[in-house]
């Protein structure tokens, strides 16, 4: 979904080289890809070009994150994920890593133009945003939306990246599942995002699952994974897209609420792995799943 973020959320230190699912199931969107992982770039709107093999040199290497040494003022804006329109009146709270229960700083609210200036206290590596707005009864009113695992320049006092943080409207939350022939069940959660390689290029040919266990693909009952058509930027059914396309986008829907789950991306790191059937855990994010809430974040190769 959000191309300005790359979904990796907490990128746990655990890893694995084998797919632990005994029977990959195409009916939930988790089947073995038919090609190895590739890197891609968007040449123009919805026009993607393959660059070659994905760069996984940083996979399972120590993280190079640095704790921030200054209070950071982030000048950004709140936009709707699907339409790209600015969204005024959205309250944005901050929290460290994925600790959504313990906000930091004072937060801020987007103005009538959707603009937002928010101060992030020093002393953190990764931070998350929680976006909320009182339901005004319209289809454009956003669901609660989380953007997780954001890394800012630790020594720069004023920044403009990410230049937008995206909320998901109630209409979008209903429309995206409808495109693949489903109705989102009230009370379930949604996770969505894009996966990038070590060079920050969108990756293709991976599959995702929201797992009840870390390091092992154990799908949570009821959840389904879907991928996007890179030609139109919208999700399509498993019969049309069995793995991620060049835009690296995915979404997981119908996820029952749970205090701890793991969003995982798996793929064949090399053509040799493809030939041998050796799937690798490329990315993992620990997340809480909340009812009627959308989780987005930065997905990137797993680090220690």
Protein backbone atom coordinates (compact mmCIF):
# COMPACT_ATOMS: atom_id res chain seq x y z
CA UNK A 1 0.00 0.00 0.00
CA UNK A 2 1.83 3.09 1.19
CA UNK A 3 4.80 3.51 -1.14
CA UNK A 4 6.44 6.05 1.14
CA UNK A 5 6.91 3.39 3.77
CA UNK A 6 8.34 -0.04 3.47
CA UNK A 7 6.73 -2.51 5.92
CA UNK A 8 9.19 -4.08 8.39
CA UNK A 9 7.95 -2.87 11.73
CA UNK A 10 10.03 -4.43 14.47
CA UNK A 11 12.23 -6.76 12.33
CA UNK A 12 12.91 -9.28 15.04
CA UNK A 13 16.34 -10.81 15.42
CA UNK A 14 15.13 -14.32 14.74
CA UNK A 15 15.38 -15.72 11.23
CA UNK A 16 15.00 -18.87 9.24
CA UNK A 17 15.84 -20.38 5.90
CA UNK A 18 13.05 -22.94 5.54
CA UNK A 19 9.34 -22.43 5.12
CA UNK A 20 7.87 -24.18 8.16
CA UNK A 21 4.37 -24.43 6.70
CA UNK A 22 3.80 -28.05 5.83
CA UNK A 23 1.20 -27.26 3.17
CA UNK A 24 1.39 -23.81 1.53
CA UNK A 25 -2.18 -22.82 0.84
CA UNK A 26 -3.08 -20.70 -2.18
CA UNK A 27 -6.53 -20.12 -0.70
CA UNK A 28 -5.05 -17.80 1.94
CA UNK A 29 -2.48 -16.21 -0.37
CA UNK A 30 0.55 -18.08 0.94
CA UNK A 31 1.89 -20.34 -1.79
CA UNK A 32 5.45 -20.84 -2.97
CA UNK A 33 6.46 -18.10 -5.46
CA UNK A 34 7.36 -19.12 -9.00
CA UNK A 35 10.41 -16.83 -9.25
CA UNK A 36 13.24 -15.58 -7.04
CA UNK A 37 13.18 -12.17 -5.37
CA UNK A 38 13.72 -9.18 -7.66
CA UNK A 39 14.30 -5.45 -7.15
CA UNK A 40 12.16 -2.92 -9.01
CA UNK A 41 11.75 0.81 -9.53
CA UNK A 42 8.79 2.93 -10.61
CA UNK A 43 9.71 4.70 -13.85
CA UNK A 44 6.42 6.60 -14.01
CA UNK A 45 3.02 6.26 -12.35
CA UNK A 46 2.18 2.53 -12.21
CA UNK A 47 4.97 1.79 -14.68
CA UNK A 48 7.50 -0.49 -13.00
CA UNK A 49 10.86 -1.76 -14.23
CA UNK A 50 12.71 -4.81 -12.92
CA UNK A 51 16.32 -4.05 -11.95
CA UNK A 52 17.57 -7.57 -11.32
CA UNK A 53 18.06 -9.69 -8.24
CA UNK A 54 16.99 -8.10 -4.94
CA UNK A 55 19.86 -6.86 -2.75
CA UNK A 56 19.73 -8.90 0.45
CA UNK A 57 23.28 -8.15 1.62
CA UNK A 58 21.94 -6.67 4.88
CA UNK A 59 19.68 -9.64 5.66
CA UNK A 60 20.36 -11.05 9.16
CA UNK A 61 23.21 -8.55 9.75
CA UNK A 62 23.40 -6.29 12.83
CA UNK A 63 21.11 -3.27 12.70
CA UNK A 64 22.80 0.08 12.07
CA UNK A 65 20.04 2.08 13.79
CA UNK A 66 21.30 4.92 16.00
CA UNK A 67 19.45 6.49 18.94
CA UNK A 68 18.37 10.07 18.26
CA UNK A 69 20.46 12.72 20.02
CA UNK A 70 18.17 15.73 19.47
CA UNK A 71 14.47 16.48 19.66
CA UNK A 72 13.22 16.18 16.09
CA UNK A 73 10.57 18.40 14.54
CA UNK A 74 8.90 16.53 11.70
CA UNK A 75 7.02 18.70 9.19
CA UNK A 76 4.74 16.40 7.23
CA UNK A 77 1.09 15.99 6.22
CA UNK A 78 -1.72 13.49 6.65
CA UNK A 79 -3.16 12.11 3.42
CA UNK A 80 -5.75 9.50 2.55
CA UNK A 81 -4.11 6.28 1.42
CA UNK A 82 -6.30 5.69 -1.60
CA UNK A 83 -7.22 9.16 -2.90
CA UNK A 84 -4.08 11.02 -1.87
CA UNK A 85 -6.25 13.86 -0.56
CA UNK A 86 -5.13 15.80 2.50
CA UNK A 87 -7.02 14.87 5.67
CA UNK A 88 -7.57 17.67 8.22
CA UNK A 89 -8.36 17.18 11.90
CA UNK A 90 -6.44 13.93 12.37
CA UNK A 91 -4.88 13.52 15.80
CA UNK A 92 -1.42 11.95 15.60
CA UNK A 93 0.19 10.36 18.64
CA UNK A 94 3.75 9.02 18.88
CA UNK A 95 5.06 5.87 20.52
CA UNK A 96 8.42 4.06 20.59
CA UNK A 97 8.90 0.96 18.39
CA UNK A 98 5.56 -0.91 18.57
CA UNK A 99 4.72 0.09 22.14
CA UNK A 100 1.33 1.55 21.25
CA UNK A 101 0.20 1.67 24.88
CA UNK A 102 2.89 4.17 25.93
CA UNK A 103 2.79 7.37 23.87
CA UNK A 104 5.71 9.79 23.89
CA UNK A 105 5.69 13.53 23.38
CA UNK A 106 2.64 15.75 23.02
CA UNK A 107 1.41 14.61 19.61
CA UNK A 108 -0.28 16.99 17.16
CA UNK A 109 -3.35 17.44 14.94
CA UNK A 110 -3.33 18.07 11.20
CA UNK A 111 -4.60 21.52 10.23
CA UNK A 112 -7.26 22.38 7.63
CA UNK A 113 -4.76 21.74 4.83
CA UNK A 114 -3.69 18.39 6.28
CA UNK A 115 -0.30 19.80 7.33
CA UNK A 116 1.26 18.59 10.54
CA UNK A 117 4.26 19.61 12.63
CA UNK A 118 5.10 17.15 15.39
CA UNK A 119 8.00 16.97 17.85
CA UNK A 120 9.65 13.61 18.50
CA UNK A 121 11.62 13.55 21.78
CA UNK A 122 15.25 12.45 21.63
CA UNK A 123 16.37 9.04 22.81
CA UNK A 124 14.62 6.75 20.35
CA UNK A 125 15.61 4.60 17.36
CA UNK A 126 12.32 3.67 15.73
CA UNK A 127 9.01 5.40 16.33
CA UNK A 128 5.40 4.87 15.30
CA UNK A 129 2.41 7.08 14.58
CA UNK A 130 -1.20 6.49 15.61
CA UNK A 131 -3.77 8.41 13.57
CA UNK A 132 -7.28 8.89 14.91
CA UNK A 133 -10.26 11.06 14.09
CA UNK A 134 -13.77 11.08 15.48
CA UNK A 135 -16.09 9.32 13.04
CA UNK A 136 -18.16 12.02 11.37
CA UNK A 137 -20.42 9.51 9.64
CA UNK A 138 -18.93 10.01 6.19
CA UNK A 139 -17.15 7.43 4.05
CA UNK A 140 -13.97 9.53 4.09
CA UNK A 141 -13.75 9.41 7.87
CA UNK A 142 -10.62 7.35 8.62
CA UNK A 143 -10.32 4.18 10.63
CA UNK A 144 -7.70 4.23 13.35
CA UNK A 145 -4.44 3.75 11.43
CA UNK A 146 -0.96 2.94 12.69
CA UNK A 147 2.30 3.65 10.84
CA UNK A 148 5.10 1.72 12.53
CA UNK A 149 8.87 1.32 12.52
CA UNK A 150 9.85 4.73 11.16
CA UNK A 151 13.52 5.69 11.32
CA UNK A 152 14.47 9.36 11.20
CA UNK A 153 17.90 10.96 10.94
CA UNK A 154 19.03 10.74 14.60
CA UNK A 155 20.96 14.03 14.59
CA UNK A 156 18.81 16.34 12.44
CA UNK A 157 16.57 18.70 14.40
CA UNK A 158 14.12 19.50 11.56
CA UNK A 159 13.04 16.92 9.00
CA UNK A 160 10.45 16.46 6.25
CA UNK A 161 10.65 12.70 5.66
CA UNK A 162 8.31 10.91 5.69
CA UNK A 163 6.70 13.74 3.75
CA UNK A 164 3.27 12.19 4.31
CA UNK A 165 1.67 9.76 6.69
CA UNK A 166 -1.39 8.03 5.36
CA UNK A 167 -4.69 7.22 7.01
CA UNK A 168 -7.15 4.67 5.63
CA UNK A 169 -10.75 5.81 5.19
CA UNK A 170 -13.73 3.63 5.99
CA UNK A 171 -14.63 3.63 2.30
CA UNK A 172 -11.17 2.36 1.33
CA UNK A 173 -11.30 -0.31 4.06
CA UNK A 174 -14.51 -1.57 2.45
CA UNK A 175 -13.49 -1.09 -1.19
CA UNK A 176 -10.12 -2.87 -1.21
CA UNK A 177 -11.51 -6.22 0.03
CA UNK A 178 -14.46 -5.84 -2.36
CA UNK A 179 -12.02 -5.72 -5.28
CA UNK A 180 -11.00 -9.28 -4.51
CA UNK A 181 -14.54 -10.47 -3.87
CA UNK A 182 -14.65 -10.20 -0.10
CA UNK A 183 -16.36 -8.11 2.53
CA UNK A 184 -14.21 -7.08 5.47
CA UNK A 185 -15.61 -8.58 8.64
CA UNK A 186 -16.40 -5.98 11.30
CA UNK A 187 -14.16 -6.43 14.32
CA UNK A 188 -11.18 -7.77 12.38
CA UNK A 189 -7.85 -6.04 11.72
CA UNK A 190 -5.93 -5.20 8.55
CA UNK A 191 -2.17 -5.05 7.90
CA UNK A 192 -0.74 -3.60 4.71
CA UNK A 193 2.41 -2.20 3.22
CA UNK A 194 5.32 -2.68 0.82
CA UNK A 195 8.60 -4.56 1.15
CA UNK A 196 11.92 -3.05 0.07
CA UNK A 197 15.42 -4.54 -0.23
CA UNK A 198 18.69 -3.27 1.23
CA UNK A 199 18.87 -0.59 -1.50
CA UNK A 200 15.30 0.58 -0.70
CA UNK A 201 13.96 -0.83 -3.97
CA UNK A 202 10.54 -2.45 -3.98
CA UNK A 203 10.74 -6.24 -4.05
CA UNK A 204 8.64 -8.70 -6.04
CA UNK A 205 7.97 -12.46 -5.87
CA UNK A 206 7.58 -12.74 -2.08
CA UNK A 207 4.57 -14.04 -0.17
CA UNK A 208 3.25 -12.80 3.16
CA UNK A 209 1.51 -14.32 6.15
CA UNK A 210 0.43 -13.05 9.53
CA UNK A 211 1.71 -15.73 11.86
CA UNK A 212 1.01 -16.64 15.46
CA UNK A 213 4.67 -17.63 15.90
CA UNK A 214 7.98 -15.89 15.27
CA UNK A 215 10.35 -17.40 12.69
CA UNK A 216 7.77 -19.93 11.52
CA UNK A 217 4.88 -19.45 9.11
CA UNK A 218 1.85 -20.38 11.21
CA UNK A 219 -1.11 -18.50 9.67
CA UNK A 220 -3.67 -17.09 12.07
CA UNK A 221 -7.01 -18.72 11.33
CA UNK A 222 -9.21 -16.56 9.15
CA UNK A 223 -6.45 -14.28 7.83
CA UNK A 224 -5.77 -13.96 4.10
CA UNK A 225 -2.94 -12.36 2.12
CA UNK A 226 -3.46 -10.45 -1.12
CA UNK A 227 -1.08 -8.73 -3.54
CA UNK A 228 -1.47 -5.79 -5.89
CA UNK A 229 -1.43 -5.36 -9.65
CA UNK A 230 1.54 -3.09 -10.38
CA UNK A 231 -0.32 -1.76 -13.43
CA UNK A 232 -3.18 -0.24 -11.45
CA UNK A 233 -1.95 -0.21 -7.83
CA UNK A 234 -4.96 -2.16 -6.53
CA UNK A 235 -5.27 -5.62 -4.94
CA UNK A 236 -6.33 -8.57 -7.07
CA UNK A 237 -7.41 -12.12 -6.32
CA UNK A 238 -4.96 -14.97 -5.70
CA UNK A 239 -5.84 -16.43 -9.08
CA UNK A 240 -4.44 -13.30 -10.73
CA UNK A 241 -1.52 -12.53 -8.41
CA UNK A 242 -0.11 -15.34 -6.26
CA UNK A 243 2.88 -13.35 -4.99
CA UNK A 244 3.95 -9.72 -4.76
CA UNK A 245 4.28 -7.83 -8.03
CA UNK A 246 6.89 -5.20 -8.89
CA UNK A 247 5.29 -2.58 -6.61
CA UNK A 248 5.97 -4.76 -3.54
CA UNK A 249 2.50 -4.11 -2.12
CA UNK A 250 0.45 -6.50 -0.02
CA UNK A 251 -2.41 -6.56 2.44
CA UNK A 252 -3.60 -9.03 5.07
CA UNK A 253 -7.30 -8.95 5.92
CA UNK A 254 -9.85 -10.68 8.16
CA UNK A 255 -7.28 -10.94 10.97
CA UNK A 256 -8.84 -11.71 14.37
CA UNK A 257 -7.66 -9.34 17.13
CA UNK A 258 -4.69 -10.63 19.11
CA UNK A 259 -2.13 -8.88 21.35
CA UNK A 260 0.80 -10.38 19.42
CA UNK A 261 1.23 -11.51 15.83
CA UNK A 262 4.06 -11.53 13.28
CA UNK A 263 3.76 -10.12 9.78
CA UNK A 264 6.22 -12.15 7.71
CA UNK A 265 7.53 -12.02 4.13
CA UNK A 266 9.06 -15.17 2.61
CA UNK A 267 10.78 -15.72 -0.73
CA UNK A 268 13.48 -17.44 -2.71
CA UNK A 269 16.63 -15.37 -2.18
CA UNK A 270 18.39 -16.78 -5.26
CA UNK A 271 17.60 -18.83 -8.35
CA UNK A 272 19.44 -21.74 -6.69
CA UNK A 273 17.04 -21.50 -3.74
CA UNK A 274 14.14 -21.47 -6.19
CA UNK A 275 15.43 -24.65 -7.82
CA UNK A 276 15.84 -26.38 -4.45
CA UNK A 277 12.59 -25.05 -2.97
CA UNK A 278 14.42 -23.35 -0.07
CA UNK A 279 12.27 -20.44 1.14
CA UNK A 280 13.86 -17.74 3.30
CA UNK A 281 12.24 -15.53 5.91
CA UNK A 282 13.02 -12.08 4.47
CA UNK A 283 11.18 -9.83 6.90
CA UNK A 284 9.28 -10.15 10.15
CA UNK A 285 7.31 -7.64 12.17
CA UNK A 286 5.76 -8.16 15.58
CA UNK A 287 2.42 -6.34 15.75
CA UNK A 288 -0.70 -6.19 17.86
CA UNK A 289 -3.86 -6.76 15.82
CA UNK A 290 -6.68 -4.44 16.85
CA UNK A 291 -10.32 -4.57 15.82
CA UNK A 292 -11.27 -2.26 12.93
CA UNK A 293 -7.76 -0.84 12.82
CA UNK A 294 -5.21 -0.72 10.01
CA UNK A 295 -1.53 -1.42 10.65
CA UNK A 296 1.03 -0.10 8.18
CA UNK A 297 4.76 0.27 8.55
CA UNK A 298 8.24 -0.01 7.06
CA UNK A 299 9.13 -3.47 5.78
CA UNK A 300 12.75 -4.15 5.00
CA UNK A 301 15.12 -7.14 5.31
CA UNK A 302 15.34 -8.78 8.72
CA UNK A 303 18.15 -7.40 10.90
CA UNK A 304 19.61 -8.58 14.19
